[in-house]
Amino acid sequence: MKNYLMLLLVVLVLSCKSNNKTTEELAAVDQTTIAKHIEHLASDEFLGRKPFTEGEVKTVNYLKDEFEKLGALPGNEDSFSKRFLW
């Protein structure tokens, strides 16, 4: 599970549009930083990250905030999330 989250985080960071940062600056995330994020996301605070729960909302908000701190821009118009129609 940790490898999946690490891969997801790296892919998302690299796929977002950049504000004034180069790809190298966005990719300059080391193993310690990724491990810190994985450990935080795996904590009880995120309630298992189950879809359609408060844990999912907390997880999405955490990831959005971290991308904004990196200077990444949303890849879906004005949102970091994909909109789905059911």
PDB file of N, CA and C in Angstrom:
ATOM      1  N   MET A   1       0.829  -1.190   0.000  1.00  0.00           N
ATOM      2  CA  MET A   1       0.000   0.000   0.000  1.00  0.00           C
ATOM      3  C   MET A   1       0.872   1.251   0.000  1.00  0.00           C
ATOM      4  N   LYS A   2       1.987   1.216   0.753  1.00  0.00           N
ATOM      5  CA  LYS A   2       2.854   2.390   0.812  1.00  0.00           C
ATOM      6  C   LYS A   2       3.456   2.697  -0.555  1.00  0.00           C
ATOM      7  N   ASN A   3       3.846   1.649  -1.291  1.00  0.00           N
ATOM      8  CA  ASN A   3       4.410   1.874  -2.624  1.00  0.00           C
ATOM      9  C   ASN A   3       3.365   2.483  -3.550  1.00  0.00           C
ATOM     10  N   TYR A   4       2.129   2.041  -3.439  1.00  0.00           N
ATOM     11  CA  TYR A   4       1.039   2.583  -4.255  1.00  0.00           C
ATOM     12  C   TYR A   4       0.843   4.064  -3.966  1.00  0.00           C
ATOM     13  N   LEU A   5       0.797   4.446  -2.691  1.00  0.00           N
ATOM     14  CA  LEU A   5       0.605   5.851  -2.337  1.00  0.00           C
ATOM     15  C   LEU A   5       1.779   6.707  -2.788  1.00  0.00           C
ATOM     16  N   MET A   6       2.995   6.163  -2.655  1.00  0.00           N
ATOM     17  CA  MET A   6       4.177   6.910  -3.067  1.00  0.00           C
ATOM     18  C   MET A   6       4.138   7.140  -4.576  1.00  0.00           C
ATOM     19  N   LEU A   7       3.822   6.108  -5.338  1.00  0.00           N
ATOM     20  CA  LEU A   7       3.740   6.237  -6.787  1.00  0.00           C
ATOM     21  C   LEU A   7       2.643   7.223  -7.172  1.00  0.00           C
ATOM     22  N   LEU A   8       1.480   7.132  -6.515  1.00  0.00           N
ATOM     23  CA  LEU A   8       0.381   8.048  -6.791  1.00  0.00           C
ATOM     24  C   LEU A   8       0.785   9.487  -6.527  1.00  0.00           C
ATOM     25  N   LEU A   9       1.433   9.730  -5.423  1.00  0.00           N
ATOM     26  CA  LEU A   9       1.843  11.085  -5.061  1.00  0.00           C
ATOM     27  C   LEU A   9       2.839  11.648  -6.077  1.00  0.00           C
ATOM     28  N   VAL A  10       3.808  10.843  -6.477  1.00  0.00           N
ATOM     29  CA  VAL A  10       4.810  11.300  -7.436  1.00  0.00           C
ATOM     30  C   VAL A  10       4.166  11.588  -8.791  1.00  0.00           C
ATOM     31  N   VAL A  11       3.290  10.692  -9.248  1.00  0.00           N
ATOM     32  CA  VAL A  11       2.628  10.885 -10.534  1.00  0.00           C
ATOM     33  C   VAL A  11       1.773  12.143 -10.516  1.00  0.00           C
ATOM     34  N   LEU A  12       1.033  12.354  -9.438  1.00  0.00           N
ATOM     35  CA  LEU A  12       0.184  13.533  -9.355  1.00  0.00           C
ATOM     36  C   LEU A  12       1.004  14.815  -9.334  1.00  0.00           C
ATOM     37  N   VAL A  13       2.092  14.812  -8.615  1.00  0.00           N
ATOM     38  CA  VAL A  13       2.944  16.010  -8.553  1.00  0.00           C
ATOM     39  C   VAL A  13       3.519  16.319  -9.928  1.00  0.00           C
ATOM     40  N   LEU A  14       3.958  15.304 -10.632  1.00  0.00           N
ATOM     41  CA  LEU A  14       4.580  15.524 -11.928  1.00  0.00           C
ATOM     42  C   LEU A  14       3.571  15.848 -13.025  1.00  0.00           C
ATOM     43  N   SER A  15       2.316  15.462 -12.842  1.00  0.00           N
ATOM     44  CA  SER A  15       1.329  15.690 -13.891  1.00  0.00           C
ATOM     45  C   SER A  15       0.602  17.022 -13.766  1.00  0.00           C
ATOM     46  N   CYS A  16       0.747  17.709 -12.664  1.00  0.00           N
ATOM     47  CA  CYS A  16       0.079  18.998 -12.480  1.00  0.00           C
ATOM     48  C   CYS A  16       0.839  20.087 -13.235  1.00  0.00           C
ATOM     49  N   LYS A  17       0.093  21.074 -13.672  1.00  0.00           N
ATOM     50  CA  LYS A  17       0.719  22.223 -14.319  1.00  0.00           C
ATOM     51  C   LYS A  17       1.516  22.994 -13.276  1.00  0.00           C
ATOM     52  N   SER A  18       2.579  23.582 -13.708  1.00  0.00           N
ATOM     53  CA  SER A  18       3.450  24.327 -12.808  1.00  0.00           C
ATOM     54  C   SER A  18       3.185  25.817 -12.916  1.00  0.00           C
ATOM     55  N   ASN A  19       3.267  26.507 -11.784  1.00  0.00           N
ATOM     56  CA  ASN A  19       3.097  27.951 -11.772  1.00  0.00           C
ATOM     57  C   ASN A  19       4.371  28.594 -12.329  1.00  0.00           C
ATOM     58  N   ASN A  20       5.390  28.728 -11.523  1.00  0.00           N
ATOM     59  CA  ASN A  20       6.669  29.267 -11.966  1.00  0.00           C
ATOM     60  C   ASN A  20       7.798  28.285 -11.688  1.00  0.00           C
ATOM     61  N   LYS A  21       7.458  27.063 -11.391  1.00  0.00           N
ATOM     62  CA  LYS A  21       8.476  26.087 -11.036  1.00  0.00           C
ATOM     63  C   LYS A  21       8.742  25.157 -12.215  1.00  0.00           C
ATOM     64  N   THR A  22       9.989  24.749 -12.356  1.00  0.00           N
ATOM     65  CA  THR A  22      10.347  23.824 -13.418  1.00  0.00           C
ATOM     66  C   THR A  22       9.982  22.404 -12.992  1.00  0.00           C
ATOM     67  N   THR A  23       9.967  21.513 -13.954  1.00  0.00           N
ATOM     68  CA  THR A  23       9.688  20.109 -13.662  1.00  0.00           C
ATOM     69  C   THR A  23      10.712  19.567 -12.669  1.00  0.00           C
ATOM     70  N   GLU A  24      11.951  19.995 -12.789  1.00  0.00           N
ATOM     71  CA  GLU A  24      12.988  19.529 -11.873  1.00  0.00           C
ATOM     72  C   GLU A  24      12.697  19.965 -10.440  1.00  0.00           C
ATOM     73  N   GLU A  25      12.195  21.184 -10.270  1.00  0.00           N
ATOM     74  CA  GLU A  25      11.870  21.660  -8.930  1.00  0.00           C
ATOM     75  C   GLU A  25      10.695  20.880  -8.345  1.00  0.00           C
ATOM     76  N   LEU A  26       9.697  20.598  -9.164  1.00  0.00           N
ATOM     77  CA  LEU A  26       8.559  19.819  -8.675  1.00  0.00           C
ATOM     78  C   LEU A  26       8.963  18.377  -8.385  1.00  0.00           C
ATOM     79  N   ALA A  27       9.885  17.849  -9.171  1.00  0.00           N
ATOM     80  CA  ALA A  27      10.308  16.462  -8.997  1.00  0.00           C
ATOM     81  C   ALA A  27      11.330  16.310  -7.872  1.00  0.00           C
ATOM     82  N   ALA A  28      11.800  17.411  -7.309  1.00  0.00           N
ATOM     83  CA  ALA A  28      12.824  17.371  -6.277  1.00  0.00           C
ATOM     84  C   ALA A  28      12.220  17.002  -4.925  1.00  0.00           C
ATOM     85  N   VAL A  29      11.479  15.918  -4.914  1.00  0.00           N
ATOM     86  CA  VAL A  29      10.891  15.407  -3.682  1.00  0.00           C
ATOM     87  C   VAL A  29      11.681  14.159  -3.329  1.00  0.00           C
ATOM     88  N   ASP A  30      12.330  14.172  -2.181  1.00  0.00           N
ATOM     89  CA  ASP A  30      13.162  13.024  -1.833  1.00  0.00           C
ATOM     90  C   ASP A  30      12.362  11.954  -1.091  1.00  0.00           C
ATOM     91  N   GLN A  31      13.004  10.835  -0.869  1.00  0.00           N
ATOM     92  CA  GLN A  31      12.359   9.685  -0.244  1.00  0.00           C
ATOM     93  C   GLN A  31      11.852  10.008   1.169  1.00  0.00           C
ATOM     94  N   THR A  32      12.578  10.826   1.899  1.00  0.00           N
ATOM     95  CA  THR A  32      12.164  11.201   3.252  1.00  0.00           C
ATOM     96  C   THR A  32      10.870  12.007   3.227  1.00  0.00           C
ATOM     97  N   THR A  33      10.765  12.927   2.289  1.00  0.00           N
ATOM     98  CA  THR A  33       9.553  13.742   2.172  1.00  0.00           C
ATOM     99  C   THR A  33       8.351  12.882   1.810  1.00  0.00           C
ATOM    100  N   ILE A  34       8.521  11.990   0.851  1.00  0.00           N
ATOM    101  CA  ILE A  34       7.430  11.104   0.451  1.00  0.00           C
ATOM    102  C   ILE A  34       7.028  10.209   1.619  1.00  0.00           C
ATOM    103  N   ALA A  35       7.999   9.672   2.341  1.00  0.00           N
ATOM    104  CA  ALA A  35       7.704   8.820   3.489  1.00  0.00           C
ATOM    105  C   ALA A  35       6.918   9.581   4.556  1.00  0.00           C
ATOM    106  N   LYS A  36       7.245  10.856   4.738  1.00  0.00           N
ATOM    107  CA  LYS A  36       6.531  11.675   5.706  1.00  0.00           C
ATOM    108  C   LYS A  36       5.058  11.823   5.314  1.00  0.00           C
ATOM    109  N   HIS A  37       4.814  12.067   4.043  1.00  0.00           N
ATOM    110  CA  HIS A  37       3.438  12.212   3.561  1.00  0.00           C
ATOM    111  C   HIS A  37       2.676  10.892   3.665  1.00  0.00           C
ATOM    112  N   ILE A  38       3.312   9.799   3.309  1.00  0.00           N
ATOM    113  CA  ILE A  38       2.663   8.490   3.403  1.00  0.00           C
ATOM    114  C   ILE A  38       2.319   8.169   4.846  1.00  0.00           C
ATOM    115  N   GLU A  39       3.250   8.408   5.748  1.00  0.00           N
ATOM    116  CA  GLU A  39       3.002   8.148   7.165  1.00  0.00           C
ATOM    117  C   GLU A  39       1.838   9.007   7.673  1.00  0.00           C
ATOM    118  N   HIS A  40       1.798  10.252   7.253  1.00  0.00           N
ATOM    119  CA  HIS A  40       0.713  11.144   7.679  1.00  0.00           C
ATOM    120  C   HIS A  40      -0.633  10.670   7.121  1.00  0.00           C
ATOM    121  N   LEU A  41      -0.661  10.314   5.826  1.00  0.00           N
ATOM    122  CA  LEU A  41      -1.901   9.846   5.211  1.00  0.00           C
ATOM    123  C   LEU A  41      -2.370   8.504   5.777  1.00  0.00           C
ATOM    124  N   ALA A  42      -1.437   7.701   6.280  1.00  0.00           N
ATOM    125  CA  ALA A  42      -1.790   6.397   6.850  1.00  0.00           C
ATOM    126  C   ALA A  42      -2.217   6.501   8.310  1.00  0.00           C
ATOM    127  N   SER A  43      -2.132   7.684   8.883  1.00  0.00           N
ATOM    128  CA  SER A  43      -2.474   7.850  10.294  1.00  0.00           C
ATOM    129  C   SER A  43      -3.983   7.713  10.511  1.00  0.00           C
ATOM    130  N   ASP A  44      -4.353   7.516  11.758  1.00  0.00           N
ATOM    131  CA  ASP A  44      -5.764   7.376  12.121  1.00  0.00           C
ATOM    132  C   ASP A  44      -6.566   8.645  11.834  1.00  0.00           C
ATOM    133  N   GLU A  45      -5.882   9.768  11.717  1.00  0.00           N
ATOM    134  CA  GLU A  45      -6.557  11.036  11.442  1.00  0.00           C
ATOM    135  C   GLU A  45      -7.383  10.980  10.157  1.00  0.00           C
ATOM    136  N   PHE A  46      -6.942  10.160   9.178  1.00  0.00           N
ATOM    137  CA  PHE A  46      -7.618  10.094   7.887  1.00  0.00           C
ATOM    138  C   PHE A  46      -8.639   8.961   7.818  1.00  0.00           C
ATOM    139  N   LEU A  47      -8.897   8.313   8.912  1.00  0.00           N
ATOM    140  CA  LEU A  47      -9.989   7.354   9.062  1.00  0.00           C
ATOM    141  C   LEU A  47     -10.019   6.284   7.970  1.00  0.00           C
ATOM    142  N   GLY A  48      -8.866   5.845   7.520  1.00  0.00           N
ATOM    143  CA  GLY A  48      -8.787   4.798   6.516  1.00  0.00           C
ATOM    144  C   GLY A  48      -8.966   5.267   5.084  1.00  0.00           C
ATOM    145  N   ARG A  49      -9.268   6.527   4.871  1.00  0.00           N
ATOM    146  CA  ARG A  49      -9.411   7.125   3.533  1.00  0.00           C
ATOM    147  C   ARG A  49     -10.504   6.467   2.710  1.00  0.00           C
ATOM    148  N   LYS A  50     -11.454   5.838   3.345  1.00  0.00           N
ATOM    149  CA  LYS A  50     -12.531   5.141   2.637  1.00  0.00           C
ATOM    150  C   LYS A  50     -13.360   6.141   1.819  1.00  0.00           C
ATOM    151  N   PRO A  51     -13.701   5.773   0.553  1.00  0.00           N
ATOM    152  CA  PRO A  51     -14.509   6.665  -0.275  1.00  0.00           C
ATOM    153  C   PRO A  51     -15.853   7.013   0.359  1.00  0.00           C
ATOM    154  N   PHE A  52     -16.304   8.208   0.101  1.00  0.00           N
ATOM    155  CA  PHE A  52     -17.596   8.731   0.576  1.00  0.00           C
ATOM    156  C   PHE A  52     -17.648   8.863   2.094  1.00  0.00           C
ATOM    157  N   THR A  53     -16.495   9.116   2.714  1.00  0.00           N
ATOM    158  CA  THR A  53     -16.445   9.323   4.159  1.00  0.00           C
ATOM    159  C   THR A  53     -15.683  10.613   4.450  1.00  0.00           C
ATOM    160  N   GLU A  54     -15.703  11.008   5.702  1.00  0.00           N
ATOM    161  CA  GLU A  54     -14.935  12.176   6.134  1.00  0.00           C
ATOM    162  C   GLU A  54     -13.441  11.962   5.881  1.00  0.00           C
ATOM    163  N   GLY A  55     -12.974  10.715   5.981  1.00  0.00           N
ATOM    164  CA  GLY A  55     -11.568  10.400   5.735  1.00  0.00           C
ATOM    165  C   GLY A  55     -11.148  10.713   4.314  1.00  0.00           C
ATOM    166  N   GLU A  56     -12.035  10.447   3.354  1.00  0.00           N
ATOM    167  CA  GLU A  56     -11.736  10.763   1.960  1.00  0.00           C
ATOM    168  C   GLU A  56     -11.631  12.279   1.769  1.00  0.00           C
ATOM    169  N   VAL A  57     -12.546  13.010   2.361  1.00  0.00           N
ATOM    170  CA  VAL A  57     -12.536  14.472   2.245  1.00  0.00           C
ATOM    171  C   VAL A  57     -11.239  15.028   2.829  1.00  0.00           C
ATOM    172  N   LYS A  58     -10.831  14.525   3.990  1.00  0.00           N
ATOM    173  CA  LYS A  58      -9.586  14.985   4.614  1.00  0.00           C
ATOM    174  C   LYS A  58      -8.379  14.670   3.727  1.00  0.00           C
ATOM    175  N   THR A  59      -8.380  13.481   3.120  1.00  0.00           N
ATOM    176  CA  THR A  59      -7.272  13.076   2.266  1.00  0.00           C
ATOM    177  C   THR A  59      -7.175  13.973   1.043  1.00  0.00           C
ATOM    178  N   VAL A  60      -8.296  14.203   0.378  1.00  0.00           N
ATOM    179  CA  VAL A  60      -8.306  15.052  -0.816  1.00  0.00           C
ATOM    180  C   VAL A  60      -7.847  16.466  -0.468  1.00  0.00           C
ATOM    181  N   ASN A  61      -8.326  17.000   0.627  1.00  0.00           N
ATOM    182  CA  ASN A  61      -7.928  18.350   1.038  1.00  0.00           C
ATOM    183  C   ASN A  61      -6.443  18.413   1.372  1.00  0.00           C
ATOM    184  N   TYR A  62      -5.920  17.385   2.031  1.00  0.00           N
ATOM    185  CA  TYR A  62      -4.493  17.337   2.367  1.00  0.00           C
ATOM    186  C   TYR A  62      -3.657  17.354   1.079  1.00  0.00           C
ATOM    187  N   LEU A  63      -4.019  16.483   0.115  1.00  0.00           N
ATOM    188  CA  LEU A  63      -3.261  16.419  -1.130  1.00  0.00           C
ATOM    189  C   LEU A  63      -3.350  17.738  -1.898  1.00  0.00           C
ATOM    190  N   LYS A  64      -4.523  18.332  -1.951  1.00  0.00           N
ATOM    191  CA  LYS A  64      -4.709  19.625  -2.626  1.00  0.00           C
ATOM    192  C   LYS A  64      -3.816  20.692  -1.987  1.00  0.00           C
ATOM    193  N   ASP A  65      -3.824  20.740  -0.675  1.00  0.00           N
ATOM    194  CA  ASP A  65      -3.005  21.733   0.027  1.00  0.00           C
ATOM    195  C   ASP A  65      -1.517  21.527  -0.236  1.00  0.00           C
ATOM    196  N   GLU A  66      -1.082  20.277  -0.271  1.00  0.00           N
ATOM    197  CA  GLU A  66       0.332  19.993  -0.521  1.00  0.00           C
ATOM    198  C   GLU A  66       0.719  20.378  -1.944  1.00  0.00           C
ATOM    199  N   PHE A  67      -0.149  20.107  -2.922  1.00  0.00           N
ATOM    200  CA  PHE A  67       0.142  20.505  -4.294  1.00  0.00           C
ATOM    201  C   PHE A  67       0.239  22.018  -4.406  1.00  0.00           C
ATOM    202  N   GLU A  68      -0.649  22.737  -3.724  1.00  0.00           N
ATOM    203  CA  GLU A  68      -0.608  24.200  -3.754  1.00  0.00           C
ATOM    204  C   GLU A  68       0.678  24.719  -3.120  1.00  0.00           C
ATOM    205  N   LYS A  69       1.144  24.076  -2.048  1.00  0.00           N
ATOM    206  CA  LYS A  69       2.405  24.483  -1.419  1.00  0.00           C
ATOM    207  C   LYS A  69       3.577  24.323  -2.381  1.00  0.00           C
ATOM    208  N   LEU A  70       3.494  23.314  -3.256  1.00  0.00           N
ATOM    209  CA  LEU A  70       4.548  23.092  -4.244  1.00  0.00           C
ATOM    210  C   LEU A  70       4.484  24.099  -5.387  1.00  0.00           C
ATOM    211  N   GLY A  71       3.372  24.825  -5.464  1.00  0.00           N
ATOM    212  CA  GLY A  71       3.211  25.781  -6.548  1.00  0.00           C
ATOM    213  C   GLY A  71       2.557  25.177  -7.775  1.00  0.00           C
ATOM    214  N   ALA A  72       2.018  23.963  -7.638  1.00  0.00           N
ATOM    215  CA  ALA A  72       1.352  23.313  -8.767  1.00  0.00           C
ATOM    216  C   ALA A  72      -0.004  23.961  -9.009  1.00  0.00           C
ATOM    217  N   LEU A  73      -0.414  23.973 -10.251  1.00  0.00           N
ATOM    218  CA  LEU A  73      -1.728  24.496 -10.614  1.00  0.00           C
ATOM    219  C   LEU A  73      -2.667  23.321 -10.883  1.00  0.00           C
ATOM    220  N   PRO A  74      -3.951  23.512 -10.695  1.00  0.00           N
ATOM    221  CA  PRO A  74      -4.904  22.440 -10.972  1.00  0.00           C
ATOM    222  C   PRO A  74      -4.846  22.013 -12.436  1.00  0.00           C
ATOM    223  N   GLY A  75      -4.997  20.731 -12.684  1.00  0.00           N
ATOM    224  CA  GLY A  75      -4.971  20.210 -14.042  1.00  0.00           C
ATOM    225  C   GLY A  75      -6.354  20.084 -14.642  1.00  0.00           C
ATOM    226  N   ASN A  76      -7.389  20.314 -13.860  1.00  0.00           N
ATOM    227  CA  ASN A  76      -8.771  20.188 -14.319  1.00  0.00           C
ATOM    228  C   ASN A  76      -9.456  21.541 -14.155  1.00  0.00           C
ATOM    229  N   GLU A  77      -9.132  22.468 -15.041  1.00  0.00           N
ATOM    230  CA  GLU A  77      -9.607  23.841 -14.961  1.00  0.00           C
ATOM    231  C   GLU A  77      -9.189  24.462 -13.629  1.00  0.00           C
ATOM    232  N   ASP A  78     -10.121  24.644 -12.698  1.00  0.00           N
ATOM    233  CA  ASP A  78      -9.781  25.273 -11.423  1.00  0.00           C
ATOM    234  C   ASP A  78      -9.777  24.288 -10.268  1.00  0.00           C
ATOM    235  N   SER A  79      -9.702  23.005 -10.551  1.00  0.00           N
ATOM    236  CA  SER A  79      -9.810  21.988  -9.506  1.00  0.00           C
ATOM    237  C   SER A  79      -8.705  20.947  -9.640  1.00  0.00           C
ATOM    238  N   PHE A  80      -8.246  20.448  -8.500  1.00  0.00           N
ATOM    239  CA  PHE A  80      -7.301  19.341  -8.492  1.00  0.00           C
ATOM    240  C   PHE A  80      -8.038  18.006  -8.590  1.00  0.00           C
ATOM    241  N   SER A  81      -9.355  18.023  -8.496  1.00  0.00           N
ATOM    242  CA  SER A  81     -10.162  16.801  -8.502  1.00  0.00           C
ATOM    243  C   SER A  81     -10.851  16.623  -9.850  1.00  0.00           C
ATOM    244  N   LYS A  82     -11.043  15.370 -10.210  1.00  0.00           N
ATOM    245  CA  LYS A  82     -11.786  15.040 -11.416  1.00  0.00           C
ATOM    246  C   LYS A  82     -13.258  14.975 -11.072  1.00  0.00           C
ATOM    247  N   ARG A  83     -14.087  15.630 -11.874  1.00  0.00           N
ATOM    248  CA  ARG A  83     -15.528  15.599 -11.639  1.00  0.00           C
ATOM    249  C   ARG A  83     -16.128  14.407 -12.376  1.00  0.00           C
ATOM    250  N   PHE A  84     -16.972  13.654 -11.690  1.00  0.00           N
ATOM    251  CA  PHE A  84     -17.624  12.496 -12.287  1.00  0.00           C
ATOM    252  C   PHE A  84     -19.127  12.692 -12.269  1.00  0.00           C
ATOM    253  N   LEU A  85     -19.774  12.286 -13.333  1.00  0.00           N
ATOM    254  CA  LEU A  85     -21.228  12.321 -13.389  1.00  0.00           C
ATOM    255  C   LEU A  85     -21.740  10.899 -13.228  1.00  0.00           C
ATOM    256  N   TRP A  86     -22.614  10.700 -12.305  1.00  0.00           N
ATOM    257  CA  TRP A  86     -23.147   9.350 -12.075  1.00  0.00           C
ATOM    258  C   TRP A  86     -24.455   9.197 -12.735  1.00  0.00           C
TER     259      TRP A  86
END
